[in-house]
Amino acid sequence: MGIEPLTEPTYWRKRRAGSSTFGLHPLSPGVKAVFQAAWLDSIERSDYLAYDRVYRGVRESLGALAATGRRLVLVTLRRCRPALTAQLDSLGLSPFFERVVSPLTDAARDKGLLIARAGYSPGDVVIGDSEADVQAADFLGIASVAVTSGVRSGRFLQRLAPTVLIASLRDLSPAVLSQAVPSPQSSNPGRALS
């Protein structure tokens, strides 16, 4: 498209500081629209998804949370449900989640609304690595755990005032989760939503 690619360090510095994928370069509206459409058509293709890896300790953390009786629900803005399901299976993450919630249409691109439509309780916690996750929890009036090893930096996420801020999902123990919200004592434990 005639756009000079950013270096990898520049890309990640900008992304971790809060830049959107579509705001990394000053583009004319027409070029931006073409780039955005091309990116959205490509980002969930299997050849790109093959680059994804599970961070060390994620499976163990999810297993420890599930062992506490909390129900784990994955809420994602990923649009291609078959690609999402295949990737969760291939990465060995499917067994941890009771349910996977993703948009049914491009219009439903707000995590807070997706969680609201899926149903939630006051004891639920949103866990994620972006402003969309913290804002979804704020919108719903529930706790948030922000993870700084993902797309956004700790400095960026701290300004959003999550309930708890952790460096990695390896740090997401039942004790850390109880800092966000005490484990329910009923037979219907809250959910960890991500």
N, C-alpha and C. Protein backbone atom coordinates (compact mmCIF):
# COMPACT_ATOMS: atom_id res chain seq x y z
N MET A 1 0.82 -1.21 0.00
CA MET A 1 0.00 0.00 0.00
C MET A 1 0.86 1.26 0.00
N GLY A 2 2.17 1.10 -0.11
CA GLY A 2 3.02 2.28 -0.13
C GLY A 2 3.28 2.88 1.24
N ILE A 3 2.97 2.14 2.29
CA ILE A 3 3.18 2.62 3.66
C ILE A 3 4.50 2.04 4.16
N GLU A 4 5.36 2.87 4.70
CA GLU A 4 6.63 2.40 5.24
C GLU A 4 6.36 1.63 6.54
N PRO A 5 6.71 0.35 6.60
CA PRO A 5 6.47 -0.41 7.83
C PRO A 5 7.27 0.15 9.01
N LEU A 6 6.69 0.08 10.18
CA LEU A 6 7.40 0.46 11.40
C LEU A 6 8.37 -0.64 11.76
N THR A 7 9.42 -0.29 12.46
CA THR A 7 10.29 -1.32 13.02
C THR A 7 9.52 -2.01 14.14
N GLU A 8 9.89 -3.23 14.46
CA GLU A 8 9.19 -3.95 15.51
C GLU A 8 9.25 -3.21 16.86
N PRO A 9 10.43 -2.68 17.28
CA PRO A 9 10.45 -1.94 18.55
C PRO A 9 9.54 -0.70 18.53
N THR A 10 9.50 0.01 17.41
CA THR A 10 8.64 1.20 17.31
C THR A 10 7.18 0.80 17.38
N TYR A 11 6.82 -0.25 16.66
CA TYR A 11 5.45 -0.75 16.69
C TYR A 11 5.02 -1.04 18.13
N TRP A 12 5.82 -1.84 18.84
CA TRP A 12 5.43 -2.24 20.20
C TRP A 12 5.47 -1.07 21.18
N ARG A 13 6.40 -0.15 21.02
CA ARG A 13 6.41 1.03 21.88
C ARG A 13 5.11 1.82 21.72
N LYS A 14 4.68 2.01 20.48
CA LYS A 14 3.45 2.75 20.23
C LYS A 14 2.21 1.98 20.71
N ARG A 15 2.17 0.69 20.43
CA ARG A 15 1.01 -0.12 20.85
C ARG A 15 0.91 -0.17 22.38
N ARG A 16 2.02 -0.39 23.07
CA ARG A 16 1.98 -0.49 24.53
C ARG A 16 1.63 0.83 25.17
N ALA A 17 1.89 1.95 24.45
CA ALA A 17 1.56 3.28 24.97
C ALA A 17 0.12 3.67 24.67
N GLY A 18 -0.63 2.83 23.92
CA GLY A 18 -2.05 3.10 23.71
C GLY A 18 -2.48 3.33 22.27
N SER A 19 -1.56 3.34 21.32
CA SER A 19 -1.95 3.55 19.92
C SER A 19 -2.75 2.36 19.41
N SER A 20 -3.79 2.66 18.65
CA SER A 20 -4.55 1.59 18.00
C SER A 20 -3.78 1.12 16.78
N THR A 21 -4.11 -0.05 16.31
CA THR A 21 -3.49 -0.57 15.10
C THR A 21 -3.65 0.41 13.95
N PHE A 22 -4.78 1.07 13.90
CA PHE A 22 -5.09 1.95 12.78
C PHE A 22 -4.64 3.38 13.02
N GLY A 23 -3.97 3.64 14.14
CA GLY A 23 -3.47 4.97 14.43
C GLY A 23 -1.96 5.04 14.50
N LEU A 24 -1.29 4.01 14.05
CA LEU A 24 0.16 3.96 14.14
C LEU A 24 0.85 4.86 13.11
N HIS A 25 0.21 5.07 12.00
CA HIS A 25 0.73 5.90 10.91
C HIS A 25 -0.28 7.00 10.62
N PRO A 26 0.19 8.19 10.29
CA PRO A 26 -0.75 9.22 9.83
C PRO A 26 -1.17 8.88 8.39
N LEU A 27 -2.38 8.40 8.22
CA LEU A 27 -2.87 7.98 6.91
C LEU A 27 -4.05 8.84 6.50
N SER A 28 -4.19 9.04 5.21
CA SER A 28 -5.38 9.74 4.71
C SER A 28 -6.59 8.85 4.98
N PRO A 29 -7.78 9.43 5.10
CA PRO A 29 -8.97 8.61 5.39
C PRO A 29 -9.18 7.47 4.40
N GLY A 30 -8.94 7.73 3.10
CA GLY A 30 -9.13 6.68 2.10
C GLY A 30 -8.15 5.54 2.28
N VAL A 31 -6.88 5.85 2.48
CA VAL A 31 -5.86 4.82 2.67
C VAL A 31 -6.11 4.08 3.98
N LYS A 32 -6.50 4.82 5.00
CA LYS A 32 -6.79 4.20 6.30
C LYS A 32 -7.92 3.19 6.17
N ALA A 33 -8.97 3.52 5.45
CA ALA A 33 -10.11 2.61 5.27
C ALA A 33 -9.68 1.35 4.52
N VAL A 34 -8.87 1.50 3.48
CA VAL A 34 -8.38 0.35 2.72
C VAL A 34 -7.49 -0.52 3.60
N PHE A 35 -6.58 0.13 4.35
CA PHE A 35 -5.69 -0.62 5.24
C PHE A 35 -6.49 -1.36 6.31
N GLN A 36 -7.46 -0.67 6.91
CA GLN A 36 -8.26 -1.29 7.96
C GLN A 36 -9.01 -2.51 7.43
N ALA A 37 -9.61 -2.41 6.25
CA ALA A 37 -10.33 -3.55 5.66
C ALA A 37 -9.38 -4.70 5.39
N ALA A 38 -8.19 -4.40 4.83
CA ALA A 38 -7.21 -5.45 4.53
C ALA A 38 -6.72 -6.11 5.82
N TRP A 39 -6.47 -5.31 6.85
CA TRP A 39 -6.00 -5.86 8.13
C TRP A 39 -7.07 -6.76 8.74
N LEU A 40 -8.32 -6.29 8.77
CA LEU A 40 -9.40 -7.09 9.35
C LEU A 40 -9.63 -8.39 8.58
N ASP A 41 -9.43 -8.36 7.26
CA ASP A 41 -9.59 -9.57 6.47
C ASP A 41 -8.44 -10.55 6.68
N SER A 42 -7.30 -10.07 7.12
CA SER A 42 -6.11 -10.91 7.24
C SER A 42 -5.83 -11.41 8.65
N ILE A 43 -6.12 -10.62 9.66
CA ILE A 43 -5.62 -10.86 11.01
C ILE A 43 -6.08 -12.20 11.62
N GLU A 44 -7.23 -12.70 11.20
CA GLU A 44 -7.72 -13.96 11.76
C GLU A 44 -7.55 -15.14 10.81
N ARG A 45 -6.73 -14.96 9.77
CA ARG A 45 -6.43 -16.08 8.88
C ARG A 45 -5.51 -17.06 9.59
N SER A 46 -5.63 -18.32 9.26
CA SER A 46 -4.85 -19.35 9.95
C SER A 46 -3.35 -19.13 9.81
N ASP A 47 -2.87 -18.60 8.67
CA ASP A 47 -1.43 -18.39 8.53
C ASP A 47 -0.91 -17.32 9.48
N TYR A 48 -1.72 -16.34 9.84
CA TYR A 48 -1.32 -15.35 10.83
C TYR A 48 -1.51 -15.90 12.24
N LEU A 49 -2.59 -16.60 12.49
CA LEU A 49 -2.85 -17.15 13.82
C LEU A 49 -1.79 -18.17 14.22
N ALA A 50 -1.14 -18.77 13.24
CA ALA A 50 -0.08 -19.75 13.54
C ALA A 50 1.09 -19.13 14.30
N TYR A 51 1.22 -17.81 14.24
CA TYR A 51 2.29 -17.13 14.98
C TYR A 51 1.98 -16.99 16.47
N ASP A 52 0.73 -17.11 16.87
CA ASP A 52 0.36 -16.93 18.27
C ASP A 52 0.91 -18.06 19.14
N ARG A 53 1.32 -17.68 20.33
CA ARG A 53 1.82 -18.64 21.31
C ARG A 53 1.17 -18.33 22.66
N VAL A 54 1.05 -19.35 23.48
CA VAL A 54 0.53 -19.18 24.83
C VAL A 54 1.70 -18.79 25.73
N TYR A 55 1.52 -17.73 26.50
CA TYR A 55 2.56 -17.32 27.44
C TYR A 55 2.80 -18.44 28.46
N ARG A 56 4.04 -18.54 28.89
CA ARG A 56 4.41 -19.52 29.91
C ARG A 56 3.57 -19.28 31.17
N GLY A 57 3.02 -20.35 31.71
CA GLY A 57 2.27 -20.29 32.95
C GLY A 57 0.78 -20.04 32.80
N VAL A 58 0.31 -19.75 31.59
CA VAL A 58 -1.11 -19.45 31.40
C VAL A 58 -1.97 -20.67 31.69
N ARG A 59 -1.61 -21.81 31.14
CA ARG A 59 -2.43 -23.01 31.37
C ARG A 59 -2.49 -23.35 32.86
N GLU A 60 -1.36 -23.23 33.53
CA GLU A 60 -1.33 -23.53 34.97
C GLU A 60 -2.21 -22.54 35.76
N SER A 61 -2.15 -21.27 35.39
CA SER A 61 -2.97 -20.27 36.07
C SER A 61 -4.45 -20.51 35.83
N LEU A 62 -4.82 -20.83 34.59
CA LEU A 62 -6.22 -21.12 34.30
C LEU A 62 -6.68 -22.36 35.06
N GLY A 63 -5.83 -23.36 35.11
CA GLY A 63 -6.17 -24.57 35.86
C GLY A 63 -6.36 -24.30 37.34
N ALA A 64 -5.48 -23.47 37.92
CA ALA A 64 -5.60 -23.13 39.34
C ALA A 64 -6.89 -22.36 39.61
N LEU A 65 -7.24 -21.45 38.71
CA LEU A 65 -8.50 -20.70 38.88
C LEU A 65 -9.70 -21.63 38.77
N ALA A 66 -9.68 -22.51 37.79
CA ALA A 66 -10.79 -23.44 37.62
C ALA A 66 -10.93 -24.34 38.84
N ALA A 67 -9.80 -24.70 39.45
CA ALA A 67 -9.83 -25.57 40.63
C ALA A 67 -10.47 -24.90 41.84
N THR A 68 -10.56 -23.56 41.84
CA THR A 68 -11.22 -22.87 42.95
C THR A 68 -12.74 -22.91 42.83
N GLY A 69 -13.24 -23.42 41.70
CA GLY A 69 -14.68 -23.47 41.49
C GLY A 69 -15.21 -22.31 40.66
N ARG A 70 -14.35 -21.37 40.33
CA ARG A 70 -14.79 -20.27 39.46
C ARG A 70 -15.01 -20.80 38.06
N ARG A 71 -16.03 -20.28 37.42
CA ARG A 71 -16.32 -20.63 36.04
C ARG A 71 -15.57 -19.64 35.15
N LEU A 72 -14.83 -20.14 34.18
CA LEU A 72 -14.05 -19.28 33.29
C LEU A 72 -14.76 -19.14 31.95
N VAL A 73 -14.96 -17.88 31.55
CA VAL A 73 -15.62 -17.56 30.29
C VAL A 73 -14.68 -16.67 29.50
N LEU A 74 -14.42 -17.03 28.26
CA LEU A 74 -13.58 -16.21 27.39
C LEU A 74 -14.49 -15.27 26.59
N VAL A 75 -14.26 -13.97 26.74
CA VAL A 75 -14.98 -12.96 25.97
C VAL A 75 -13.95 -12.28 25.08
N THR A 76 -14.14 -12.37 23.78
CA THR A 76 -13.16 -11.86 22.83
C THR A 76 -13.85 -11.11 21.72
N LEU A 77 -13.14 -10.17 21.13
CA LEU A 77 -13.67 -9.44 19.99
C LEU A 77 -13.30 -10.10 18.67
N ARG A 78 -12.72 -11.28 18.74
CA ARG A 78 -12.41 -12.02 17.52
C ARG A 78 -13.69 -12.28 16.75
N ARG A 79 -13.64 -12.11 15.42
CA ARG A 79 -14.84 -12.16 14.59
C ARG A 79 -15.08 -13.52 13.93
N CYS A 80 -14.03 -14.28 13.67
CA CYS A 80 -14.17 -15.54 12.94
C CYS A 80 -14.26 -16.70 13.94
N ARG A 81 -15.48 -17.11 14.24
CA ARG A 81 -15.69 -18.14 15.25
C ARG A 81 -14.99 -19.47 14.92
N PRO A 82 -15.05 -19.96 13.68
CA PRO A 82 -14.34 -21.22 13.40
C PRO A 82 -12.83 -21.12 13.63
N ALA A 83 -12.22 -20.01 13.22
CA ALA A 83 -10.78 -19.84 13.44
C ALA A 83 -10.47 -19.74 14.93
N LEU A 84 -11.32 -19.04 15.68
CA LEU A 84 -11.14 -18.92 17.13
C LEU A 84 -11.21 -20.28 17.80
N THR A 85 -12.23 -21.06 17.48
CA THR A 85 -12.40 -22.38 18.08
C THR A 85 -11.22 -23.29 17.74
N ALA A 86 -10.81 -23.27 16.48
CA ALA A 86 -9.67 -24.10 16.07
C ALA A 86 -8.40 -23.69 16.80
N GLN A 87 -8.19 -22.39 16.97
CA GLN A 87 -6.99 -21.93 17.65
C GLN A 87 -7.02 -22.30 19.13
N LEU A 88 -8.13 -22.11 19.80
CA LEU A 88 -8.23 -22.49 21.21
C LEU A 88 -7.95 -23.98 21.39
N ASP A 89 -8.48 -24.79 20.47
CA ASP A 89 -8.22 -26.23 20.52
C ASP A 89 -6.74 -26.53 20.31
N SER A 90 -6.14 -25.93 19.27
CA SER A 90 -4.75 -26.24 18.95
C SER A 90 -3.79 -25.76 20.03
N LEU A 91 -4.14 -24.69 20.74
CA LEU A 91 -3.28 -24.19 21.81
C LEU A 91 -3.56 -24.87 23.15
N GLY A 92 -4.53 -25.77 23.18
CA GLY A 92 -4.85 -26.49 24.41
C GLY A 92 -5.56 -25.64 25.45
N LEU A 93 -6.28 -24.60 25.02
CA LEU A 93 -6.96 -23.71 25.96
C LEU A 93 -8.46 -23.99 26.10
N SER A 94 -9.05 -24.67 25.15
CA SER A 94 -10.49 -24.92 25.17
C SER A 94 -11.00 -25.55 26.46
N PRO A 95 -10.29 -26.55 27.03
CA PRO A 95 -10.82 -27.21 28.21
C PRO A 95 -11.03 -26.29 29.43
N PHE A 96 -10.36 -25.16 29.46
CA PHE A 96 -10.45 -24.28 30.62
C PHE A 96 -11.71 -23.43 30.63
N PHE A 97 -12.33 -23.24 29.47
CA PHE A 97 -13.43 -22.29 29.38
C PHE A 97 -14.78 -22.99 29.30
N GLU A 98 -15.66 -22.57 30.19
CA GLU A 98 -17.02 -23.07 30.19
C GLU A 98 -17.77 -22.59 28.95
N ARG A 99 -17.40 -21.40 28.51
CA ARG A 99 -18.11 -20.77 27.39
C ARG A 99 -17.17 -19.78 26.70
N VAL A 100 -17.36 -19.60 25.40
CA VAL A 100 -16.62 -18.61 24.63
C VAL A 100 -17.64 -17.67 24.01
N VAL A 101 -17.46 -16.38 24.26
CA VAL A 101 -18.38 -15.36 23.75
C VAL A 101 -17.60 -14.48 22.79
N SER A 102 -18.13 -14.33 21.57
CA SER A 102 -17.52 -13.46 20.57
C SER A 102 -18.66 -12.77 19.81
N PRO A 103 -18.35 -11.68 19.12
CA PRO A 103 -19.41 -10.92 18.43
C PRO A 103 -20.08 -11.76 17.35
N LEU A 104 -21.40 -11.60 17.27
CA LEU A 104 -22.14 -12.25 16.19
C LEU A 104 -22.15 -11.39 14.94
N THR A 105 -21.92 -10.09 15.14
CA THR A 105 -21.87 -9.16 14.01
C THR A 105 -20.75 -8.17 14.26
N ASP A 106 -20.33 -7.50 13.22
CA ASP A 106 -19.30 -6.48 13.38
C ASP A 106 -19.80 -5.32 14.24
N ALA A 107 -21.11 -5.15 14.33
CA ALA A 107 -21.66 -4.05 15.12
C ALA A 107 -21.46 -4.27 16.62
N ALA A 108 -21.35 -5.52 17.03
CA ALA A 108 -21.18 -5.84 18.46
C ALA A 108 -19.71 -5.91 18.80
N ARG A 109 -19.01 -4.77 18.79
CA ARG A 109 -17.57 -4.73 19.00
C ARG A 109 -17.20 -4.13 20.35
N ASP A 110 -18.05 -4.23 21.34
CA ASP A 110 -17.81 -3.67 22.65
C ASP A 110 -17.84 -4.81 23.67
N LYS A 111 -16.74 -5.01 24.40
CA LYS A 111 -16.67 -6.12 25.35
C LYS A 111 -17.70 -6.00 26.47
N GLY A 112 -17.91 -4.78 26.95
CA GLY A 112 -18.90 -4.60 28.01
C GLY A 112 -20.29 -5.05 27.57
N LEU A 113 -20.68 -4.69 26.35
CA LEU A 113 -21.98 -5.12 25.83
C LEU A 113 -22.03 -6.62 25.60
N LEU A 114 -20.92 -7.19 25.12
CA LEU A 114 -20.88 -8.65 24.93
C LEU A 114 -21.07 -9.38 26.26
N ILE A 115 -20.37 -8.90 27.29
CA ILE A 115 -20.49 -9.53 28.60
C ILE A 115 -21.90 -9.34 29.15
N ALA A 116 -22.47 -8.16 28.98
CA ALA A 116 -23.83 -7.90 29.45
C ALA A 116 -24.82 -8.83 28.78
N ARG A 117 -24.69 -9.00 27.47
CA ARG A 117 -25.60 -9.89 26.74
C ARG A 117 -25.43 -11.35 27.16
N ALA A 118 -24.19 -11.73 27.50
CA ALA A 118 -23.92 -13.11 27.91
C ALA A 118 -24.40 -13.37 29.33
N GLY A 119 -24.55 -12.30 30.12
CA GLY A 119 -24.95 -12.43 31.51
C GLY A 119 -23.74 -12.42 32.42
N TYR A 120 -23.87 -11.72 33.53
CA TYR A 120 -22.78 -11.63 34.49
C TYR A 120 -23.37 -11.38 35.87
N SER A 121 -22.51 -11.53 36.88
CA SER A 121 -22.92 -11.34 38.27
C SER A 121 -21.96 -10.36 38.94
N PRO A 122 -22.36 -9.76 40.06
CA PRO A 122 -21.47 -8.82 40.75
C PRO A 122 -20.13 -9.43 41.17
N GLY A 123 -20.06 -10.73 41.38
CA GLY A 123 -18.82 -11.38 41.78
C GLY A 123 -17.90 -11.75 40.63
N ASP A 124 -18.30 -11.44 39.40
CA ASP A 124 -17.47 -11.75 38.24
C ASP A 124 -16.31 -10.77 38.14
N VAL A 125 -15.25 -11.18 37.46
CA VAL A 125 -14.04 -10.37 37.30
C VAL A 125 -13.63 -10.41 35.82
N VAL A 126 -13.32 -9.26 35.27
CA VAL A 126 -12.80 -9.19 33.91
C VAL A 126 -11.27 -9.17 34.00
N ILE A 127 -10.63 -10.09 33.28
CA ILE A 127 -9.17 -10.18 33.26
C ILE A 127 -8.74 -9.92 31.82
N GLY A 128 -7.81 -8.98 31.63
CA GLY A 128 -7.37 -8.71 30.27
C GLY A 128 -6.18 -7.79 30.22
N ASP A 129 -5.72 -7.53 29.00
CA ASP A 129 -4.49 -6.76 28.81
C ASP A 129 -4.70 -5.46 28.04
N SER A 130 -5.94 -4.99 27.97
CA SER A 130 -6.18 -3.76 27.21
C SER A 130 -7.20 -2.88 27.91
N GLU A 131 -7.31 -1.66 27.39
CA GLU A 131 -8.29 -0.73 27.92
C GLU A 131 -9.70 -1.26 27.72
N ALA A 132 -9.94 -2.04 26.67
CA ALA A 132 -11.28 -2.59 26.44
C ALA A 132 -11.72 -3.46 27.61
N ASP A 133 -10.79 -4.19 28.21
CA ASP A 133 -11.11 -5.07 29.33
C ASP A 133 -11.43 -4.27 30.59
N VAL A 134 -10.60 -3.30 30.92
CA VAL A 134 -10.82 -2.48 32.12
C VAL A 134 -12.10 -1.66 31.95
N GLN A 135 -12.30 -1.11 30.76
CA GLN A 135 -13.51 -0.31 30.52
C GLN A 135 -14.77 -1.16 30.56
N ALA A 136 -14.68 -2.40 30.09
CA ALA A 136 -15.84 -3.30 30.17
C ALA A 136 -16.22 -3.55 31.63
N ALA A 137 -15.23 -3.81 32.46
CA ALA A 137 -15.50 -4.03 33.89
C ALA A 137 -16.10 -2.78 34.52
N ASP A 138 -15.54 -1.61 34.21
CA ASP A 138 -16.09 -0.36 34.74
C ASP A 138 -17.53 -0.16 34.31
N PHE A 139 -17.82 -0.40 33.03
CA PHE A 139 -19.16 -0.26 32.48
C PHE A 139 -20.16 -1.15 33.23
N LEU A 140 -19.70 -2.37 33.59
CA LEU A 140 -20.58 -3.33 34.25
C LEU A 140 -20.58 -3.20 35.77
N GLY A 141 -19.65 -2.41 36.30
CA GLY A 141 -19.57 -2.25 37.74
C GLY A 141 -18.99 -3.46 38.44
N ILE A 142 -18.09 -4.17 37.77
CA ILE A 142 -17.45 -5.34 38.38
C ILE A 142 -15.93 -5.13 38.40
N ALA A 143 -15.24 -6.03 39.08
CA ALA A 143 -13.79 -5.91 39.26
C ALA A 143 -13.03 -6.22 37.97
N SER A 144 -11.81 -5.65 37.89
CA SER A 144 -10.94 -5.93 36.76
C SER A 144 -9.54 -6.27 37.25
N VAL A 145 -8.90 -7.19 36.51
CA VAL A 145 -7.50 -7.51 36.72
C VAL A 145 -6.81 -7.21 35.39
N ALA A 146 -5.92 -6.23 35.38
CA ALA A 146 -5.21 -5.84 34.17
C ALA A 146 -3.84 -6.51 34.16
N VAL A 147 -3.48 -7.08 33.01
CA VAL A 147 -2.23 -7.81 32.84
C VAL A 147 -1.31 -7.00 31.95
N THR A 148 -0.11 -6.69 32.45
CA THR A 148 0.78 -5.76 31.74
C THR A 148 1.71 -6.42 30.73
N SER A 149 1.68 -7.73 30.60
CA SER A 149 2.58 -8.40 29.65
C SER A 149 1.99 -8.51 28.26
N GLY A 150 0.81 -7.96 28.06
CA GLY A 150 0.16 -8.06 26.76
C GLY A 150 0.34 -6.82 25.92
N VAL A 151 -0.73 -6.39 25.29
CA VAL A 151 -0.66 -5.31 24.30
C VAL A 151 -0.39 -3.93 24.92
N ARG A 152 -0.77 -3.70 26.15
CA ARG A 152 -0.60 -2.39 26.78
C ARG A 152 0.38 -2.47 27.95
N SER A 153 1.07 -1.36 28.19
CA SER A 153 2.07 -1.30 29.26
C SER A 153 1.40 -1.12 30.62
N GLY A 154 2.17 -1.40 31.66
CA GLY A 154 1.68 -1.17 33.02
C GLY A 154 1.34 0.29 33.26
N ARG A 155 2.18 1.19 32.76
CA ARG A 155 1.94 2.63 32.93
C ARG A 155 0.59 3.02 32.29
N PHE A 156 0.34 2.53 31.08
CA PHE A 156 -0.91 2.84 30.39
C PHE A 156 -2.11 2.28 31.16
N LEU A 157 -2.02 1.00 31.56
CA LEU A 157 -3.14 0.36 32.25
C LEU A 157 -3.37 0.95 33.64
N GLN A 158 -2.31 1.33 34.34
CA GLN A 158 -2.45 1.90 35.68
C GLN A 158 -3.31 3.16 35.65
N ARG A 159 -3.18 3.95 34.59
CA ARG A 159 -3.99 5.18 34.48
C ARG A 159 -5.48 4.89 34.39
N LEU A 160 -5.84 3.67 34.01
CA LEU A 160 -7.25 3.29 33.90
C LEU A 160 -7.83 2.82 35.23
N ALA A 161 -6.99 2.70 36.24
CA ALA A 161 -7.39 2.30 37.60
C ALA A 161 -8.10 0.95 37.65
N PRO A 162 -7.44 -0.12 37.16
CA PRO A 162 -8.04 -1.44 37.34
C PRO A 162 -8.07 -1.80 38.81
N THR A 163 -8.89 -2.76 39.16
CA THR A 163 -8.97 -3.20 40.55
C THR A 163 -7.63 -3.78 41.00
N VAL A 164 -7.01 -4.59 40.15
CA VAL A 164 -5.72 -5.20 40.43
C VAL A 164 -4.89 -5.13 39.15
N LEU A 165 -3.59 -4.88 39.29
CA LEU A 165 -2.66 -4.84 38.17
C LEU A 165 -1.59 -5.89 38.40
N ILE A 166 -1.40 -6.79 37.42
CA ILE A 166 -0.39 -7.83 37.56
C ILE A 166 0.50 -7.83 36.31
N ALA A 167 1.71 -8.36 36.45
CA ALA A 167 2.66 -8.36 35.35
C ALA A 167 2.39 -9.45 34.33
N SER A 168 1.85 -10.58 34.77
CA SER A 168 1.71 -11.73 33.89
C SER A 168 0.57 -12.60 34.39
N LEU A 169 0.00 -13.38 33.49
CA LEU A 169 -1.02 -14.34 33.93
C LEU A 169 -0.45 -15.37 34.89
N ARG A 170 0.88 -15.54 34.87
CA ARG A 170 1.50 -16.44 35.86
C ARG A 170 1.27 -15.92 37.27
N ASP A 171 1.05 -14.61 37.39
CA ASP A 171 0.80 -14.00 38.70
C ASP A 171 -0.67 -14.05 39.11
N LEU A 172 -1.51 -14.60 38.25
CA LEU A 172 -2.94 -14.64 38.52
C LEU A 172 -3.29 -15.89 39.32
N SER A 173 -3.09 -15.79 40.59
CA SER A 173 -3.39 -16.90 41.49
C SER A 173 -4.77 -16.65 42.11
N PRO A 174 -5.34 -17.68 42.73
CA PRO A 174 -6.60 -17.45 43.44
C PRO A 174 -6.49 -16.34 44.49
N ALA A 175 -5.31 -16.19 45.11
CA ALA A 175 -5.13 -15.12 46.09
C ALA A 175 -5.21 -13.75 45.44
N VAL A 176 -4.59 -13.60 44.28
CA VAL A 176 -4.65 -12.32 43.57
C VAL A 176 -6.08 -12.04 43.14
N LEU A 177 -6.77 -13.06 42.65
CA LEU A 177 -8.15 -12.87 42.23
C LEU A 177 -9.03 -12.47 43.41
N SER A 178 -8.73 -13.01 44.58
CA SER A 178 -9.53 -12.64 45.76
C SER A 178 -9.25 -11.20 46.20
N GLN A 179 -8.11 -10.61 45.77
CA GLN A 179 -7.89 -9.18 46.02
C GLN A 179 -8.89 -8.35 45.23
N ALA A 180 -9.22 -8.84 44.03
CA ALA A 180 -10.17 -8.12 43.18
C ALA A 180 -11.58 -8.25 43.73
N VAL A 181 -11.96 -9.45 44.09
CA VAL A 181 -13.29 -9.71 44.66
C VAL A 181 -13.20 -11.00 45.45
N PRO A 182 -13.68 -11.01 46.67
CA PRO A 182 -13.63 -12.25 47.45
C PRO A 182 -14.38 -13.38 46.74
N SER A 183 -13.85 -14.59 46.85
CA SER A 183 -14.54 -15.74 46.25
C SER A 183 -15.91 -15.89 46.88
N PRO A 184 -16.92 -16.06 46.06
CA PRO A 184 -18.28 -16.24 46.59
C PRO A 184 -18.36 -17.50 47.44
N GLN A 185 -19.17 -17.43 48.45
CA GLN A 185 -19.33 -18.58 49.34
C GLN A 185 -20.49 -19.47 48.93
N SER A 186 -21.22 -19.06 47.90
CA SER A 186 -22.37 -19.84 47.47
C SER A 186 -21.93 -20.97 46.55
N SER A 187 -22.90 -21.76 46.11
CA SER A 187 -22.60 -22.85 45.18
C SER A 187 -22.52 -22.33 43.74
N ASN A 188 -22.69 -21.02 43.54
CA ASN A 188 -22.62 -20.43 42.21
C ASN A 188 -21.46 -19.44 42.17
N PRO A 189 -20.22 -19.94 42.12
CA PRO A 189 -19.07 -19.04 42.15
C PRO A 189 -19.08 -18.07 40.97
N GLY A 190 -18.48 -16.94 41.18
CA GLY A 190 -18.38 -15.95 40.12
C GLY A 190 -17.53 -16.46 38.98
N ARG A 191 -17.50 -15.68 37.94
CA ARG A 191 -16.75 -16.06 36.74
C ARG A 191 -15.56 -15.16 36.56
N ALA A 192 -14.56 -15.70 35.94
CA ALA A 192 -13.44 -14.91 35.47
C ALA A 192 -13.64 -14.73 33.98
N LEU A 193 -13.81 -13.51 33.56
CA LEU A 193 -14.07 -13.19 32.17
C LEU A 193 -12.84 -12.55 31.58
N SER A 194 -12.46 -12.95 30.39
CA SER A 194 -11.29 -12.36 29.76
C SER A 194 -11.60 -12.01 28.32
